[in-house]
């Protein structure tokens, strides 16, 4: 009895895919296919995973990890800061200037 293999469907990319063009030589802003392959082999990843790891690390280094400033703190936020501050250790200031 032969089992019929069903074709596995690949997950569609979330958003449009991008084209990655490797550089002719390694620079601060790009790498060659050879370097990407060596890095993937060293890390035990595929080249695609290798690129995702690099982008994730770059995002952690570059993008803000906090919300953008949107004005002064609300009274509830100031009360929470005062509540969490160890007594006598520091003085909470309303303004830096």
PDB file of N, CA and C in Angstrom:
ATOM      1  N   UNK A   1       0.832  -1.171   0.000  1.00  0.00           N
ATOM      2  CA  UNK A   1       0.000   0.000   0.000  1.00  0.00           C
ATOM      3  C   UNK A   1       0.879   1.237   0.000  1.00  0.00           C
ATOM      4  N   UNK A   2       0.647   2.096  -0.922  1.00  0.00           N
ATOM      5  CA  UNK A   2       1.452   3.312  -0.977  1.00  0.00           C
ATOM      6  C   UNK A   2       0.651   4.475  -0.409  1.00  0.00           C
ATOM      7  N   UNK A   3       1.306   5.212   0.424  1.00  0.00           N
ATOM      8  CA  UNK A   3       0.653   6.380   1.026  1.00  0.00           C
ATOM      9  C   UNK A   3       0.874   7.585   0.126  1.00  0.00           C
ATOM     10  N   UNK A   4      -0.175   8.328  -0.049  1.00  0.00           N
ATOM     11  CA  UNK A   4      -0.083   9.516  -0.879  1.00  0.00           C
ATOM     12  C   UNK A   4       0.416  10.669  -0.018  1.00  0.00           C
ATOM     13  N   UNK A   5       1.456  11.288  -0.448  1.00  0.00           N
ATOM     14  CA  UNK A   5       2.015  12.406   0.299  1.00  0.00           C
ATOM     15  C   UNK A   5       1.247  13.677  -0.034  1.00  0.00           C
ATOM     16  N   UNK A   6       0.873  14.382   0.998  1.00  0.00           N
ATOM     17  CA  UNK A   6       0.215  15.664   0.772  1.00  0.00           C
ATOM     18  C   UNK A   6       1.280  16.744   0.770  1.00  0.00           C
ATOM     19  N   UNK A   7       1.089  17.664  -0.116  1.00  0.00           N
ATOM     20  CA  UNK A   7       2.051  18.765  -0.194  1.00  0.00           C
ATOM     21  C   UNK A   7       1.895  19.640   1.042  1.00  0.00           C
ATOM     22  N   UNK A   8       3.015  19.939   1.675  1.00  0.00           N
ATOM     23  CA  UNK A   8       2.958  20.825   2.831  1.00  0.00           C
ATOM     24  C   UNK A   8       2.921  22.257   2.331  1.00  0.00           C
ATOM     25  N   UNK A   9       2.057  23.024   2.936  1.00  0.00           N
ATOM     26  CA  UNK A   9       1.936  24.423   2.536  1.00  0.00           C
ATOM     27  C   UNK A   9       2.879  25.255   3.375  1.00  0.00           C
ATOM     28  N   UNK A  10       3.617  26.117   2.730  1.00  0.00           N
ATOM     29  CA  UNK A  10       4.490  27.025   3.447  1.00  0.00           C
ATOM     30  C   UNK A  10       3.677  28.186   3.971  1.00  0.00           C
ATOM     31  N   UNK A  11       4.067  28.657   5.119  1.00  0.00           N
ATOM     32  CA  UNK A  11       3.405  29.803   5.689  1.00  0.00           C
ATOM     33  C   UNK A  11       3.703  31.031   4.836  1.00  0.00           C
ATOM     34  N   UNK A  12       2.697  31.804   4.554  1.00  0.00           N
ATOM     35  CA  UNK A  12       2.892  33.025   3.777  1.00  0.00           C
ATOM     36  C   UNK A  12       3.587  34.059   4.642  1.00  0.00           C
ATOM     37  N   UNK A  13       4.504  34.831   4.062  1.00  0.00           N
ATOM     38  CA  UNK A  13       5.192  35.843   4.858  1.00  0.00           C
ATOM     39  C   UNK A  13       4.211  36.872   5.409  1.00  0.00           C
ATOM     40  N   UNK A  14       4.470  37.290   6.637  1.00  0.00           N
ATOM     41  CA  UNK A  14       3.649  38.336   7.252  1.00  0.00           C
ATOM     42  C   UNK A  14       4.070  39.662   6.639  1.00  0.00           C
ATOM     43  N   UNK A  15       3.334  40.174   5.733  1.00  0.00           N
ATOM     44  CA  UNK A  15       3.750  41.357   5.002  1.00  0.00           C
ATOM     45  C   UNK A  15       4.554  40.903   3.801  1.00  0.00           C
ATOM     46  N   UNK A  16       4.959  41.828   3.004  1.00  0.00           N
ATOM     47  CA  UNK A  16       5.715  41.464   1.813  1.00  0.00           C
ATOM     48  C   UNK A  16       7.111  41.000   2.146  1.00  0.00           C
ATOM     49  N   UNK A  17       7.622  40.094   1.363  1.00  0.00           N
ATOM     50  CA  UNK A  17       8.994  39.646   1.542  1.00  0.00           C
ATOM     51  C   UNK A  17       9.952  40.701   1.003  1.00  0.00           C
ATOM     52  N   UNK A  18      11.204  40.598   1.366  1.00  0.00           N
ATOM     53  CA  UNK A  18      12.197  41.543   0.859  1.00  0.00           C
ATOM     54  C   UNK A  18      13.291  40.769   0.130  1.00  0.00           C
ATOM     55  N   UNK A  19      13.950  41.450  -0.736  1.00  0.00           N
ATOM     56  CA  UNK A  19      15.069  40.867  -1.462  1.00  0.00           C
ATOM     57  C   UNK A  19      16.352  41.295  -0.762  1.00  0.00           C
ATOM     58  N   UNK A  20      17.183  40.336  -0.446  1.00  0.00           N
ATOM     59  CA  UNK A  20      18.461  40.648   0.191  1.00  0.00           C
ATOM     60  C   UNK A  20      19.561  40.434  -0.831  1.00  0.00           C
ATOM     61  N   UNK A  21      20.301  41.464  -1.088  1.00  0.00           N
ATOM     62  CA  UNK A  21      21.439  41.346  -1.993  1.00  0.00           C
ATOM     63  C   UNK A  21      22.722  41.397  -1.173  1.00  0.00           C
ATOM     64  N   UNK A  22      23.477  40.329  -1.275  1.00  0.00           N
ATOM     65  CA  UNK A  22      24.746  40.287  -0.557  1.00  0.00           C
ATOM     66  C   UNK A  22      25.734  41.245  -1.213  1.00  0.00           C
ATOM     67  N   UNK A  23      26.691  41.703  -0.447  1.00  0.00           N
ATOM     68  CA  UNK A  23      27.710  42.627  -0.941  1.00  0.00           C
ATOM     69  C   UNK A  23      28.829  41.856  -1.625  1.00  0.00           C
ATOM     70  N   UNK A  24      29.596  42.562  -2.448  1.00  0.00           N
ATOM     71  CA  UNK A  24      30.756  41.955  -3.101  1.00  0.00           C
ATOM     72  C   UNK A  24      31.904  41.753  -2.120  1.00  0.00           C
ATOM     73  N   UNK A  25      31.945  42.623  -1.095  1.00  0.00           N
ATOM     74  CA  UNK A  25      32.962  42.468  -0.042  1.00  0.00           C
ATOM     75  C   UNK A  25      32.337  42.889   1.278  1.00  0.00           C
ATOM     76  N   UNK A  26      32.894  42.380   2.373  1.00  0.00           N
ATOM     77  CA  UNK A  26      32.387  42.700   3.702  1.00  0.00           C
ATOM     78  C   UNK A  26      32.691  44.150   4.051  1.00  0.00           C
ATOM     79  N   UNK A  27      31.681  44.844   4.561  1.00  0.00           N
ATOM     80  CA  UNK A  27      31.847  46.228   5.010  1.00  0.00           C
ATOM     81  C   UNK A  27      31.077  46.391   6.315  1.00  0.00           C
ATOM     82  N   UNK A  28      31.094  47.598   6.857  1.00  0.00           N
ATOM     83  CA  UNK A  28      30.332  47.884   8.071  1.00  0.00           C
ATOM     84  C   UNK A  28      28.828  47.838   7.810  1.00  0.00           C
ATOM     85  N   UNK A  29      28.434  47.931   6.548  1.00  0.00           N
ATOM     86  CA  UNK A  29      27.011  47.992   6.209  1.00  0.00           C
ATOM     87  C   UNK A  29      26.519  46.795   5.408  1.00  0.00           C
ATOM     88  N   UNK A  30      27.299  45.756   5.292  1.00  0.00           N
ATOM     89  CA  UNK A  30      26.860  44.574   4.564  1.00  0.00           C
ATOM     90  C   UNK A  30      27.915  43.492   4.572  1.00  0.00           C
ATOM     91  N   UNK A  31      27.470  42.277   4.254  1.00  0.00           N
ATOM     92  CA  UNK A  31      28.389  41.135   4.233  1.00  0.00           C
ATOM     93  C   UNK A  31      28.222  40.351   2.942  1.00  0.00           C
ATOM     94  N   UNK A  32      29.214  39.553   2.644  1.00  0.00           N
ATOM     95  CA  UNK A  32      29.162  38.682   1.476  1.00  0.00           C
ATOM     96  C   UNK A  32      28.366  37.424   1.807  1.00  0.00           C
ATOM     97  N   UNK A  33      27.974  36.706   0.806  1.00  0.00           N
ATOM     98  CA  UNK A  33      27.257  35.446   1.010  1.00  0.00           C
ATOM     99  C   UNK A  33      28.149  34.465   1.757  1.00  0.00           C
ATOM    100  N   UNK A  34      29.429  34.487   1.470  1.00  0.00           N
ATOM    101  CA  UNK A  34      30.375  33.593   2.131  1.00  0.00           C
ATOM    102  C   UNK A  34      30.390  33.853   3.642  1.00  0.00           C
ATOM    103  N   UNK A  35      30.416  35.118   4.038  1.00  0.00           N
ATOM    104  CA  UNK A  35      30.420  35.461   5.461  1.00  0.00           C
ATOM    105  C   UNK A  35      29.121  35.042   6.123  1.00  0.00           C
ATOM    106  N   UNK A  36      27.994  35.288   5.460  1.00  0.00           N
ATOM    107  CA  UNK A  36      26.693  34.890   6.007  1.00  0.00           C
ATOM    108  C   UNK A  36      26.627  33.370   6.180  1.00  0.00           C
ATOM    109  N   UNK A  37      27.145  32.645   5.220  1.00  0.00           N
ATOM    110  CA  UNK A  37      27.147  31.178   5.302  1.00  0.00           C
ATOM    111  C   UNK A  37      28.037  30.691   6.441  1.00  0.00           C
ATOM    112  N   UNK A  38      29.212  31.299   6.579  1.00  0.00           N
ATOM    113  CA  UNK A  38      30.119  30.913   7.670  1.00  0.00           C
ATOM    114  C   UNK A  38      29.502  31.190   9.028  1.00  0.00           C
ATOM    115  N   UNK A  39      28.854  32.354   9.149  1.00  0.00           N
ATOM    116  CA  UNK A  39      28.210  32.716  10.404  1.00  0.00           C
ATOM    117  C   UNK A  39      27.073  31.755  10.733  1.00  0.00           C
ATOM    118  N   UNK A  40      26.264  31.432   9.743  1.00  0.00           N
ATOM    119  CA  UNK A  40      25.156  30.500   9.945  1.00  0.00           C
ATOM    120  C   UNK A  40      25.680  29.132  10.375  1.00  0.00           C
ATOM    121  N   UNK A  41      26.736  28.680   9.729  1.00  0.00           N
ATOM    122  CA  UNK A  41      27.316  27.375  10.065  1.00  0.00           C
ATOM    123  C   UNK A  41      27.881  27.396  11.489  1.00  0.00           C
ATOM    124  N   UNK A  42      28.553  28.482  11.858  1.00  0.00           N
ATOM    125  CA  UNK A  42      29.131  28.609  13.194  1.00  0.00           C
ATOM    126  C   UNK A  42      28.041  28.591  14.267  1.00  0.00           C
ATOM    127  N   UNK A  43      26.924  29.267  13.997  1.00  0.00           N
ATOM    128  CA  UNK A  43      25.830  29.347  14.966  1.00  0.00           C
ATOM    129  C   UNK A  43      24.880  28.156  14.895  1.00  0.00           C
ATOM    130  N   UNK A  44      25.026  27.342  13.866  1.00  0.00           N
ATOM    131  CA  UNK A  44      24.131  26.206  13.704  1.00  0.00           C
ATOM    132  C   UNK A  44      22.743  26.627  13.238  1.00  0.00           C
ATOM    133  N   UNK A  45      22.678  27.676  12.451  1.00  0.00           N
ATOM    134  CA  UNK A  45      21.415  28.212  11.958  1.00  0.00           C
ATOM    135  C   UNK A  45      21.379  28.164  10.439  1.00  0.00           C
ATOM    136  N   UNK A  46      20.202  28.403   9.893  1.00  0.00           N
ATOM    137  CA  UNK A  46      20.115  28.586   8.446  1.00  0.00           C
ATOM    138  C   UNK A  46      20.500  30.035   8.153  1.00  0.00           C
ATOM    139  N   UNK A  47      20.746  30.340   6.901  1.00  0.00           N
ATOM    140  CA  UNK A  47      21.089  31.720   6.553  1.00  0.00           C
ATOM    141  C   UNK A  47      19.933  32.661   6.856  1.00  0.00           C
ATOM    142  N   UNK A  48      18.707  32.203   6.678  1.00  0.00           N
ATOM    143  CA  UNK A  48      17.549  33.040   6.988  1.00  0.00           C
ATOM    144  C   UNK A  48      17.479  33.334   8.481  1.00  0.00           C
ATOM    145  N   UNK A  49      17.676  32.314   9.306  1.00  0.00           N
ATOM    146  CA  UNK A  49      17.678  32.515  10.751  1.00  0.00           C
ATOM    147  C   UNK A  49      18.820  33.440  11.156  1.00  0.00           C
ATOM    148  N   UNK A  50      19.951  33.283  10.504  1.00  0.00           N
ATOM    149  CA  UNK A  50      21.119  34.109  10.741  1.00  0.00           C
ATOM    150  C   UNK A  50      20.775  35.594  10.537  1.00  0.00           C
ATOM    151  N   UNK A  51      20.076  35.894   9.469  1.00  0.00           N
ATOM    152  CA  UNK A  51      19.682  37.272   9.157  1.00  0.00           C
ATOM    153  C   UNK A  51      18.692  37.778  10.200  1.00  0.00           C
ATOM    154  N   UNK A  52      17.735  36.931  10.603  1.00  0.00           N
ATOM    155  CA  UNK A  52      16.772  37.341  11.621  1.00  0.00           C
ATOM    156  C   UNK A  52      17.455  37.640  12.956  1.00  0.00           C
ATOM    157  N   UNK A  53      18.422  36.835  13.337  1.00  0.00           N
ATOM    158  CA  UNK A  53      19.160  37.071  14.580  1.00  0.00           C
ATOM    159  C   UNK A  53      19.901  38.403  14.499  1.00  0.00           C
ATOM    160  N   UNK A  54      20.544  38.663  13.373  1.00  0.00           N
ATOM    161  CA  UNK A  54      21.278  39.922  13.206  1.00  0.00           C
ATOM    162  C   UNK A  54      20.332  41.114  13.294  1.00  0.00           C
ATOM    163  N   UNK A  55      19.183  41.022  12.643  1.00  0.00           N
ATOM    164  CA  UNK A  55      18.218  42.124  12.684  1.00  0.00           C
ATOM    165  C   UNK A  55      17.638  42.308  14.081  1.00  0.00           C
ATOM    166  N   UNK A  56      17.370  41.212  14.785  1.00  0.00           N
ATOM    167  CA  UNK A  56      16.837  41.307  16.143  1.00  0.00           C
ATOM    168  C   UNK A  56      17.853  41.975  17.076  1.00  0.00           C
ATOM    169  N   UNK A  57      19.129  41.604  16.953  1.00  0.00           N
ATOM    170  CA  UNK A  57      20.167  42.233  17.773  1.00  0.00           C
ATOM    171  C   UNK A  57      20.307  43.709  17.438  1.00  0.00           C
ATOM    172  N   UNK A  58      20.253  44.044  16.168  1.00  0.00           N
ATOM    173  CA  UNK A  58      20.357  45.441  15.734  1.00  0.00           C
ATOM    174  C   UNK A  58      19.176  46.250  16.264  1.00  0.00           C
ATOM    175  N   UNK A  59      17.988  45.664  16.245  1.00  0.00           N
ATOM    176  CA  UNK A  59      16.803  46.354  16.759  1.00  0.00           C
ATOM    177  C   UNK A  59      16.938  46.615  18.259  1.00  0.00           C
ATOM    178  N   UNK A  60      17.420  45.618  19.013  1.00  0.00           N
ATOM    179  CA  UNK A  60      17.611  45.803  20.457  1.00  0.00           C
ATOM    180  C   UNK A  60      18.614  46.907  20.746  1.00  0.00           C
ATOM    181  N   UNK A  61      19.661  47.003  19.942  1.00  0.00           N
ATOM    182  CA  UNK A  61      20.688  48.026  20.148  1.00  0.00           C
ATOM    183  C   UNK A  61      20.213  49.418  19.752  1.00  0.00           C
ATOM    184  N   UNK A  62      19.358  49.506  18.760  1.00  0.00           N
ATOM    185  CA  UNK A  62      19.052  50.779  18.131  1.00  0.00           C
ATOM    186  C   UNK A  62      17.731  51.400  18.560  1.00  0.00           C
ATOM    187  N   UNK A  63      16.690  50.605  18.672  1.00  0.00           N
ATOM    188  CA  UNK A  63      15.362  51.141  18.928  1.00  0.00           C
ATOM    189  C   UNK A  63      15.142  51.393  20.412  1.00  0.00           C
ATOM    190  N   UNK A  64      14.353  52.425  20.711  1.00  0.00           N
ATOM    191  CA  UNK A  64      14.042  52.769  22.096  1.00  0.00           C
ATOM    192  C   UNK A  64      13.242  51.642  22.741  1.00  0.00           C
ATOM    193  N   UNK A  65      13.492  51.417  24.010  1.00  0.00           N
ATOM    194  CA  UNK A  65      12.787  50.362  24.740  1.00  0.00           C
ATOM    195  C   UNK A  65      11.741  50.948  25.685  1.00  0.00           C
ATOM    196  N   UNK A  66      11.387  52.154  25.449  1.00  0.00           N
ATOM    197  CA  UNK A  66      10.428  52.830  26.306  1.00  0.00           C
ATOM    198  C   UNK A  66       9.504  53.662  25.438  1.00  0.00           C
ATOM    199  N   UNK A  67       8.392  54.052  26.022  1.00  0.00           N
ATOM    200  CA  UNK A  67       7.432  54.857  25.287  1.00  0.00           C
ATOM    201  C   UNK A  67       7.994  56.256  25.067  1.00  0.00           C
ATOM    202  N   UNK A  68       7.573  56.864  23.997  1.00  0.00           N
ATOM    203  CA  UNK A  68       7.997  58.237  23.706  1.00  0.00           C
ATOM    204  C   UNK A  68       7.425  59.169  24.770  1.00  0.00           C
ATOM    205  N   UNK A  69       8.149  60.235  25.051  1.00  0.00           N
ATOM    206  CA  UNK A  69       7.703  61.217  26.034  1.00  0.00           C
ATOM    207  C   UNK A  69       6.405  61.846  25.566  1.00  0.00           C
ATOM    208  N   UNK A  70       5.417  61.816  26.411  1.00  0.00           N
ATOM    209  CA  UNK A  70       4.129  62.393  26.037  1.00  0.00           C
ATOM    210  C   UNK A  70       3.615  63.344  27.105  1.00  0.00           C
ATOM    211  N   UNK A  71       4.506  64.101  27.700  1.00  0.00           N
ATOM    212  CA  UNK A  71       4.107  65.098  28.687  1.00  0.00           C
ATOM    213  C   UNK A  71       4.437  64.671  30.101  1.00  0.00           C
ATOM    214  N   UNK A  72       4.040  65.495  31.058  1.00  0.00           N
ATOM    215  CA  UNK A  72       4.348  65.207  32.462  1.00  0.00           C
ATOM    216  C   UNK A  72       3.615  63.966  32.961  1.00  0.00           C
ATOM    217  N   UNK A  73       4.149  63.404  34.039  1.00  0.00           N
ATOM    218  CA  UNK A  73       3.537  62.217  34.630  1.00  0.00           C
ATOM    219  C   UNK A  73       2.206  62.582  35.293  1.00  0.00           C
ATOM    220  N   UNK A  74       1.308  61.636  35.259  1.00  0.00           N
ATOM    221  CA  UNK A  74       0.017  61.819  35.918  1.00  0.00           C
ATOM    222  C   UNK A  74       0.224  61.726  37.425  1.00  0.00           C
ATOM    223  N   UNK A  75      -0.664  62.324  38.215  1.00  0.00           N
ATOM    224  CA  UNK A  75      -0.528  62.251  39.685  1.00  0.00           C
ATOM    225  C   UNK A  75      -0.454  60.811  40.200  1.00  0.00           C
ATOM    226  N   UNK A  76      -1.193  59.882  39.555  1.00  0.00           N
ATOM    227  CA  UNK A  76      -1.144  58.479  39.986  1.00  0.00           C
ATOM    228  C   UNK A  76       0.247  57.883  39.751  1.00  0.00           C
ATOM    229  N   UNK A  77       0.893  58.277  38.665  1.00  0.00           N
ATOM    230  CA  UNK A  77       2.242  57.783  38.377  1.00  0.00           C
ATOM    231  C   UNK A  77       3.229  58.326  39.402  1.00  0.00           C
ATOM    232  N   UNK A  78       3.115  59.609  39.755  1.00  0.00           N
ATOM    233  CA  UNK A  78       4.012  60.192  40.763  1.00  0.00           C
ATOM    234  C   UNK A  78       3.796  59.516  42.123  1.00  0.00           C
ATOM    235  N   UNK A  79       2.537  59.241  42.478  1.00  0.00           N
ATOM    236  CA  UNK A  79       2.255  58.554  43.750  1.00  0.00           C
ATOM    237  C   UNK A  79       2.897  57.171  43.767  1.00  0.00           C
ATOM    238  N   UNK A  80       2.838  56.470  42.639  1.00  0.00           N
ATOM    239  CA  UNK A  80       3.436  55.137  42.550  1.00  0.00           C
ATOM    240  C   UNK A  80       4.963  55.223  42.685  1.00  0.00           C
ATOM    241  N   UNK A  81       5.580  56.210  42.078  1.00  0.00           N
ATOM    242  CA  UNK A  81       7.043  56.397  42.195  1.00  0.00           C
ATOM    243  C   UNK A  81       7.415  56.665  43.641  1.00  0.00           C
ATOM    244  N   UNK A  82       6.682  57.539  44.291  1.00  0.00           N
ATOM    245  CA  UNK A  82       6.958  57.852  45.702  1.00  0.00           C
ATOM    246  C   UNK A  82       6.783  56.600  46.585  1.00  0.00           C
ATOM    247  N   UNK A  83       5.751  55.809  46.279  1.00  0.00           N
ATOM    248  CA  UNK A  83       5.477  54.608  47.069  1.00  0.00           C
ATOM    249  C   UNK A  83       6.607  53.587  46.930  1.00  0.00           C
ATOM    250  N   UNK A  84       7.167  53.476  45.744  1.00  0.00           N
ATOM    251  CA  UNK A  84       8.214  52.482  45.492  1.00  0.00           C
ATOM    252  C   UNK A  84       9.602  52.946  45.938  1.00  0.00           C
ATOM    253  N   UNK A  85       9.774  54.230  46.159  1.00  0.00           N
ATOM    254  CA  UNK A  85      11.075  54.787  46.539  1.00  0.00           C
ATOM    255  C   UNK A  85      11.390  54.439  47.994  1.00  0.00           C
ATOM    256  N   UNK A  86      12.582  53.864  48.270  1.00  0.00           N
ATOM    257  CA  UNK A  86      12.950  53.568  49.663  1.00  0.00           C
ATOM    258  C   UNK A  86      12.997  54.865  50.485  1.00  0.00           C
ATOM    259  N   UNK A  87      12.446  54.865  51.688  1.00  0.00           N
ATOM    260  CA  UNK A  87      12.392  56.091  52.491  1.00  0.00           C
ATOM    261  C   UNK A  87      13.786  56.592  52.860  1.00  0.00           C
ATOM    262  N   UNK A  88      13.983  57.895  52.703  1.00  0.00           N
ATOM    263  CA  UNK A  88      15.229  58.542  53.097  1.00  0.00           C
ATOM    264  C   UNK A  88      16.397  58.316  52.169  1.00  0.00           C
ATOM    265  N   UNK A  89      16.260  57.501  51.171  1.00  0.00           N
ATOM    266  CA  UNK A  89      17.387  57.208  50.289  1.00  0.00           C
ATOM    267  C   UNK A  89      17.580  58.288  49.236  1.00  0.00           C
ATOM    268  N   UNK A  90      16.489  58.705  48.608  1.00  0.00           N
ATOM    269  CA  UNK A  90      16.554  59.734  47.579  1.00  0.00           C
ATOM    270  C   UNK A  90      15.323  60.607  47.688  1.00  0.00           C
ATOM    271  N   UNK A  91      15.448  61.779  47.142  1.00  0.00           N
ATOM    272  CA  UNK A  91      14.306  62.689  47.143  1.00  0.00           C
ATOM    273  C   UNK A  91      13.742  62.739  45.741  1.00  0.00           C
ATOM    274  N   UNK A  92      12.449  62.516  45.606  1.00  0.00           N
ATOM    275  CA  UNK A  92      11.792  62.570  44.313  1.00  0.00           C
ATOM    276  C   UNK A  92      11.578  64.015  43.935  1.00  0.00           C
ATOM    277  N   UNK A  93      12.042  64.387  42.749  1.00  0.00           N
ATOM    278  CA  UNK A  93      11.871  65.764  42.284  1.00  0.00           C
ATOM    279  C   UNK A  93      10.784  65.810  41.226  1.00  0.00           C
ATOM    280  N   UNK A  94      10.055  66.877  41.222  1.00  0.00           N
ATOM    281  CA  UNK A  94       8.997  67.057  40.236  1.00  0.00           C
ATOM    282  C   UNK A  94       9.567  67.470  38.896  1.00  0.00           C
ATOM    283  N   UNK A  95      10.720  68.127  38.887  1.00  0.00           N
ATOM    284  CA  UNK A  95      11.301  68.638  37.654  1.00  0.00           C
ATOM    285  C   UNK A  95      12.810  68.455  37.695  1.00  0.00           C
ATOM    286  N   UNK A  96      13.406  68.291  36.552  1.00  0.00           N
ATOM    287  CA  UNK A  96      14.864  68.180  36.496  1.00  0.00           C
ATOM    288  C   UNK A  96      15.551  69.527  36.449  1.00  0.00           C
ATOM    289  N   UNK A  97      14.812  70.577  36.182  1.00  0.00           N
ATOM    290  CA  UNK A  97      15.430  71.896  35.994  1.00  0.00           C
ATOM    291  C   UNK A  97      14.939  72.888  37.003  1.00  0.00           C
TER     292      UNK A  97
END
